[in-house]
Protein backbone atom coordinates (compact mmCIF):
# COMPACT_ATOMS: atom_id res chain seq x y z
CA MET A 1 -0.16 0.05 0.16
CA ALA A 2 1.29 3.53 -0.96
CA ASN A 3 2.09 6.12 1.78
CA SER A 4 -0.85 8.44 0.27
CA GLU A 5 -3.24 5.62 0.19
CA LEU A 6 -2.29 4.75 3.56
CA ARG A 7 -2.87 8.74 4.88
CA LYS A 8 -6.15 8.81 3.01
CA LEU A 9 -7.30 6.13 5.38
CA LEU A 10 -5.94 7.42 8.29
CA ASP A 11 -8.07 10.66 7.72
CA GLU A 12 -11.22 9.09 7.28
CA LEU A 13 -10.44 6.98 10.61
CA PRO A 14 -11.79 8.62 14.06
CA GLY A 15 -8.64 8.57 16.50
CA TRP A 16 -4.90 10.02 17.49
CA LEU A 17 -2.66 8.93 15.14
CA THR A 18 -0.04 11.01 12.71
CA HIS A 19 0.74 10.07 9.28
CA GLU A 20 3.92 9.09 10.47
CA GLU A 21 2.85 7.10 13.65
CA GLY A 22 0.51 5.09 11.00
CA GLU A 23 3.07 4.65 8.68
CA THR A 24 5.23 3.49 11.42
CA LEU A 25 3.16 0.64 12.54
CA TYR A 26 2.32 -0.22 8.70
CA ARG A 27 5.87 -1.02 8.01
CA LEU A 28 6.77 -2.53 11.90
CA ALA A 29 3.83 -5.17 11.18
CA LYS A 30 4.73 -5.47 7.73
CA ALA A 31 8.35 -6.83 8.73
CA CYS A 32 7.54 -9.33 11.09
CA SER A 33 8.17 -12.61 9.92
CA GLY A 34 8.11 -14.39 13.22
CA PRO A 35 8.51 -16.02 16.14
CA GLY A 36 5.68 -14.24 17.48
CA VAL A 37 2.35 -12.71 16.93
CA ILE A 38 1.66 -9.02 17.28
CA VAL A 39 -0.38 -7.80 19.90
CA GLU A 40 -2.14 -3.86 20.15
CA ILE A 41 -3.25 -3.07 24.01
CA GLY A 42 -5.66 -0.35 23.36
CA SER A 43 -7.61 -0.33 20.25
CA TRP A 44 -10.91 1.51 20.27
CA ARG A 45 -12.45 2.22 16.91
CA GLY A 46 -9.48 0.26 15.42
CA LYS A 47 -7.16 3.23 13.52
CA SER A 48 -4.06 1.98 14.79
CA THR A 49 -5.27 -1.66 14.53
CA THR A 50 -6.31 -1.18 10.92
CA CYS A 51 -2.48 -0.15 9.98
CA LEU A 52 -1.27 -3.05 11.94
CA GLY A 53 -3.28 -5.42 9.96
CA LEU A 54 -2.74 -4.22 6.53
CA GLY A 55 1.14 -4.18 7.08
CA SER A 56 0.51 -7.50 8.31
CA LYS A 57 -1.21 -8.54 5.29
CA ALA A 58 1.25 -7.19 2.76
CA GLY A 59 3.87 -8.88 4.83
CA ASN A 60 4.02 -12.21 6.05
CA ARG A 61 0.27 -12.23 7.85
CA VAL A 62 0.96 -12.41 11.40
CA PRO A 63 -1.85 -12.76 13.38
CA ILE A 64 -2.69 -9.50 15.67
CA PHE A 65 -4.37 -9.54 19.01
CA ALA A 66 -6.46 -6.28 19.74
CA ILE A 67 -6.92 -5.78 23.44
CA ASP A 68 -9.51 -2.85 24.48
CA PRO A 69 -12.12 -2.80 27.44
CA HIS A 70 -14.53 -2.01 24.42
CA SER A 71 -18.07 -0.63 25.45
CA GLU A 72 -20.92 -1.90 23.15
CA HIS A 73 -20.51 1.19 20.59
CA THR A 74 -16.51 1.20 20.44
CA PHE A 75 -16.66 -2.60 19.56
CA GLY A 76 -19.12 -2.07 16.77
CA ASP A 77 -17.16 0.30 14.93
CA PHE A 78 -14.08 -1.52 15.98
CA THR A 79 -15.76 -4.68 14.07
CA ARG A 80 -16.93 -2.79 10.61
CA ASN A 81 -13.49 -0.68 10.38
CA MET A 82 -11.46 -4.36 10.24
CA GLU A 83 -14.32 -5.56 8.05
CA ALA A 84 -13.95 -2.27 5.78
CA ALA A 85 -10.24 -2.81 5.56
CA GLY A 86 -10.45 -6.71 4.93
CA ILE A 87 -8.33 -7.60 8.16
CA VAL A 88 -11.27 -9.77 9.96
CA ASP A 89 -9.22 -12.74 9.16
CA LEU A 90 -5.92 -11.48 10.72
CA VAL A 91 -6.89 -9.73 14.07
CA THR A 92 -8.23 -11.11 17.21
CA PRO A 93 -10.13 -8.78 19.13
CA MET A 94 -9.55 -9.16 23.09
CA PRO A 95 -12.03 -7.76 24.97
CA GLY A 96 -10.71 -6.49 28.55
CA ARG A 97 -8.29 -4.80 30.58
CA SER A 98 -4.67 -5.77 29.31
CA GLN A 99 -3.44 -6.13 33.04
CA GLU A 100 -5.50 -8.66 33.77
CA LEU A 101 -5.29 -10.52 30.16
CA ALA A 102 -1.54 -10.74 30.10
CA GLU A 103 -1.66 -13.74 32.50
CA GLY A 104 -3.22 -16.03 30.45
CA PHE A 105 -1.42 -15.01 27.06
CA ASP A 106 1.05 -17.37 26.11
CA GLN A 107 2.09 -16.86 23.05
CA PRO A 108 5.73 -15.21 22.16
CA ILE A 109 5.37 -11.39 20.50
CA ALA A 110 7.18 -9.91 17.96
CA LEU A 111 5.39 -6.51 18.23
CA LEU A 112 3.95 -4.55 20.79
CA PHE A 113 2.26 -1.90 20.92
CA ILE A 114 1.05 -0.06 23.98
CA ASP A 115 -1.68 2.93 23.90
CA GLY A 116 -3.83 1.50 26.91
CA ALA A 117 -4.29 3.48 30.41
CA HIS A 118 -2.09 6.49 30.61
CA GLN A 119 -1.89 6.37 34.47
CA TYR A 120 1.82 5.64 34.88
CA ASP A 121 1.37 2.55 37.50
CA LEU A 122 -1.22 1.07 34.70
CA VAL A 123 1.25 1.77 32.07
CA LEU A 124 3.70 0.31 34.07
CA GLU A 125 2.07 -2.58 34.50
CA ASP A 126 1.40 -2.87 31.06
CA PHE A 127 4.90 -2.80 30.53
CA GLU A 128 6.22 -5.46 32.87
CA ARG A 129 3.32 -8.09 32.24
CA TRP A 130 3.67 -7.87 28.23
CA VAL A 131 7.01 -6.53 27.40
CA PRO A 132 8.81 -10.14 28.91
CA LYS A 133 6.49 -11.84 26.12
CA VAL A 134 8.36 -9.96 23.36
CA VAL A 135 10.80 -12.11 22.02
CA GLU A 136 14.76 -11.03 21.31
CA GLY A 137 14.67 -8.87 18.34
CA GLY A 138 11.15 -7.85 18.25
CA VAL A 139 9.82 -4.35 18.57
CA VAL A 140 8.46 -2.63 21.52
CA ALA A 141 6.36 0.55 20.41
CA MET A 142 4.32 2.90 22.97
CA HIS A 143 1.73 5.80 22.17
CA ASP A 144 1.45 9.58 23.96
CA THR A 145 4.97 9.18 25.38
CA THR A 146 5.60 13.11 24.97
CA TRP A 147 2.02 14.57 26.72
CA PHE A 148 0.98 11.93 29.34
CA GLU A 149 3.14 11.56 32.31
CA GLY A 150 2.13 8.00 32.50
CA PRO A 151 3.59 6.67 29.20
CA LYS A 152 6.44 9.23 28.71
CA ARG A 153 7.81 8.24 32.26
CA VAL A 154 7.64 4.86 31.06
CA ALA A 155 9.14 5.52 27.97
CA ASP A 156 11.96 7.40 29.05
CA GLU A 157 13.24 5.17 32.04
CA LEU A 158 12.33 1.94 30.94
CA ILE A 159 13.33 2.35 26.93
CA PHE A 160 15.65 5.21 26.01
CA LYS A 161 17.78 4.79 29.30
CA SER A 162 17.32 0.42 29.18
CA ARG A 163 20.17 -1.54 28.87
CA ARG A 164 17.32 -4.43 27.24
CA PHE A 165 16.34 -1.73 23.94
CA LYS A 166 18.52 -0.86 21.11
CA ASP A 167 17.30 1.82 18.04
CA ALA A 168 15.10 3.58 20.41
CA ARG A 169 13.47 6.47 18.68
CA TYR A 170 10.89 9.25 18.48
CA VAL A 171 8.00 9.14 15.87
CA PHE A 172 6.32 12.02 15.34
CA SER A 173 3.93 13.22 17.56
CA SER A 174 4.06 10.97 20.37
CA THR A 175 5.47 7.38 19.54
CA THR A 176 8.92 5.79 20.99
CA VAL A 177 9.74 2.96 19.06
CA ALA A 178 12.83 0.00 20.09
CA THR A 179 13.89 -3.07 19.73
CA LYS A 180 14.41 -5.71 22.61
CA VAL A 181 17.82 -7.30 23.25
CA ALA A 182 19.57 -9.03 25.79
CA GLU A 183 22.01 -6.47 26.44
CA ASN A 184 22.18 -3.20 24.68
CA SER A 185 25.99 -1.82 23.67
CA ALA A 186 27.66 0.93 24.94
CA ALA A 187 26.90 2.66 21.18
CA ASP A 188 23.24 1.72 21.08
CA ARG A 189 22.96 3.61 24.96
CA LEU A 190 24.45 6.51 22.75
CA ARG A 191 22.27 5.91 20.17
CA ASN A 192 18.98 5.55 22.66
CA ARG A 193 20.05 8.76 24.77
CA PHE A 194 20.21 10.70 20.96
CA GLY A 195 16.10 9.63 20.35
CA LEU A 196 14.83 10.41 24.10
CA LEU A 197 17.14 14.15 23.34
CA VAL A 198 15.58 14.18 20.09
CA LYS A 199 12.01 13.94 21.65
CA ARG A 200 12.78 15.80 24.52
CA SER A 201 13.56 18.73 22.11
CA VAL A 202 10.30 18.20 20.08
CA GLU A 203 8.40 18.52 23.42
CA ALA A 204 10.30 21.78 24.25
CA THR A 205 10.07 23.27 21.03
CA ARG A 206 6.31 22.88 21.28
CA ARG A 207 5.47 23.94 24.45
CA VAL A 208 6.77 27.17 23.58
CA ALA A 209 5.91 27.45 19.30
CA ASP A 210 1.85 26.93 19.26
CA LYS A 211 2.11 24.78 15.97
CA ASP A 212 -0.82 25.95 14.49
CA ARG A 213 0.50 29.13 13.53
CA LEU A 214 3.52 27.60 12.17
CA PRO A 215 3.27 27.77 8.03
CA GLN A 216 2.39 24.11 6.99
CA PRO A 217 5.58 23.81 4.74
CA LEU A 218 8.10 24.45 7.86
CA GLN A 219 5.87 22.06 9.95
CA ARG A 220 6.70 19.14 7.19
CA PHE A 221 10.25 20.44 6.71
CA GLY A 222 10.80 20.16 10.43
CA ARG A 223 8.87 16.38 10.54
CA ARG A 224 11.23 15.32 7.72
CA VAL A 225 14.20 16.25 9.36
CA LEU A 226 13.19 14.25 12.61
CA LYS A 227 12.55 11.18 10.25
CA GLY A 228 16.34 11.77 8.64
CA LEU A 229 17.68 12.34 12.19
CA GLN A 230 17.12 8.61 13.58
CA ARG A 231 18.02 5.92 11.38
CA PRO A 232 18.08 2.60 12.93
CA SER A 233 21.13 0.49 13.12
CA ALA A 234 21.89 -2.01 11.15
């Protein structure tokens, strides 16, 4: 799927996900080749699930488990969006609280996307219960790691400053992505800190600059620069 098609689809779906974030989820899911499945914590009406599902469909058709404590209304919208995207066969909804569902989930995870509760203790619980299930070389992505204290603190402390991740990077406007490893190298830790510096620089800039007052060409240029600054290591 071309980026332009994915962006058009993202604009039509309800939810909070930038084009860059949606494209990143699509690419990560497409690249999954096993072992392990894809797990999403926090599906809501299925915007991010659609990106994951379409990426998996374009790649190796890795199964997706989508966790959310749905209401009847949101689950109906979620189901319709999965049907519209043609990914019902790849997505298994798991209604309920992620913290409770973790205990009974015994499949290895290749890609974990955390976008559930935003209170620090619940984000930490999600991280501690689900990240151990991610295989070495698997990817962890977290949404809302810039403006919400819970996800931000967990990402900063347990990904960017951790010895268990490499290639930690920031995706505009609020996503953190990293690869799980047994132990990272000094060079990995340096790159991770650079990713954290990039994220914090954007946070600081957006606190003092109203993005709606910035010319669109300048916004697009800044986002391209951010993307170019952070390249995963080989």
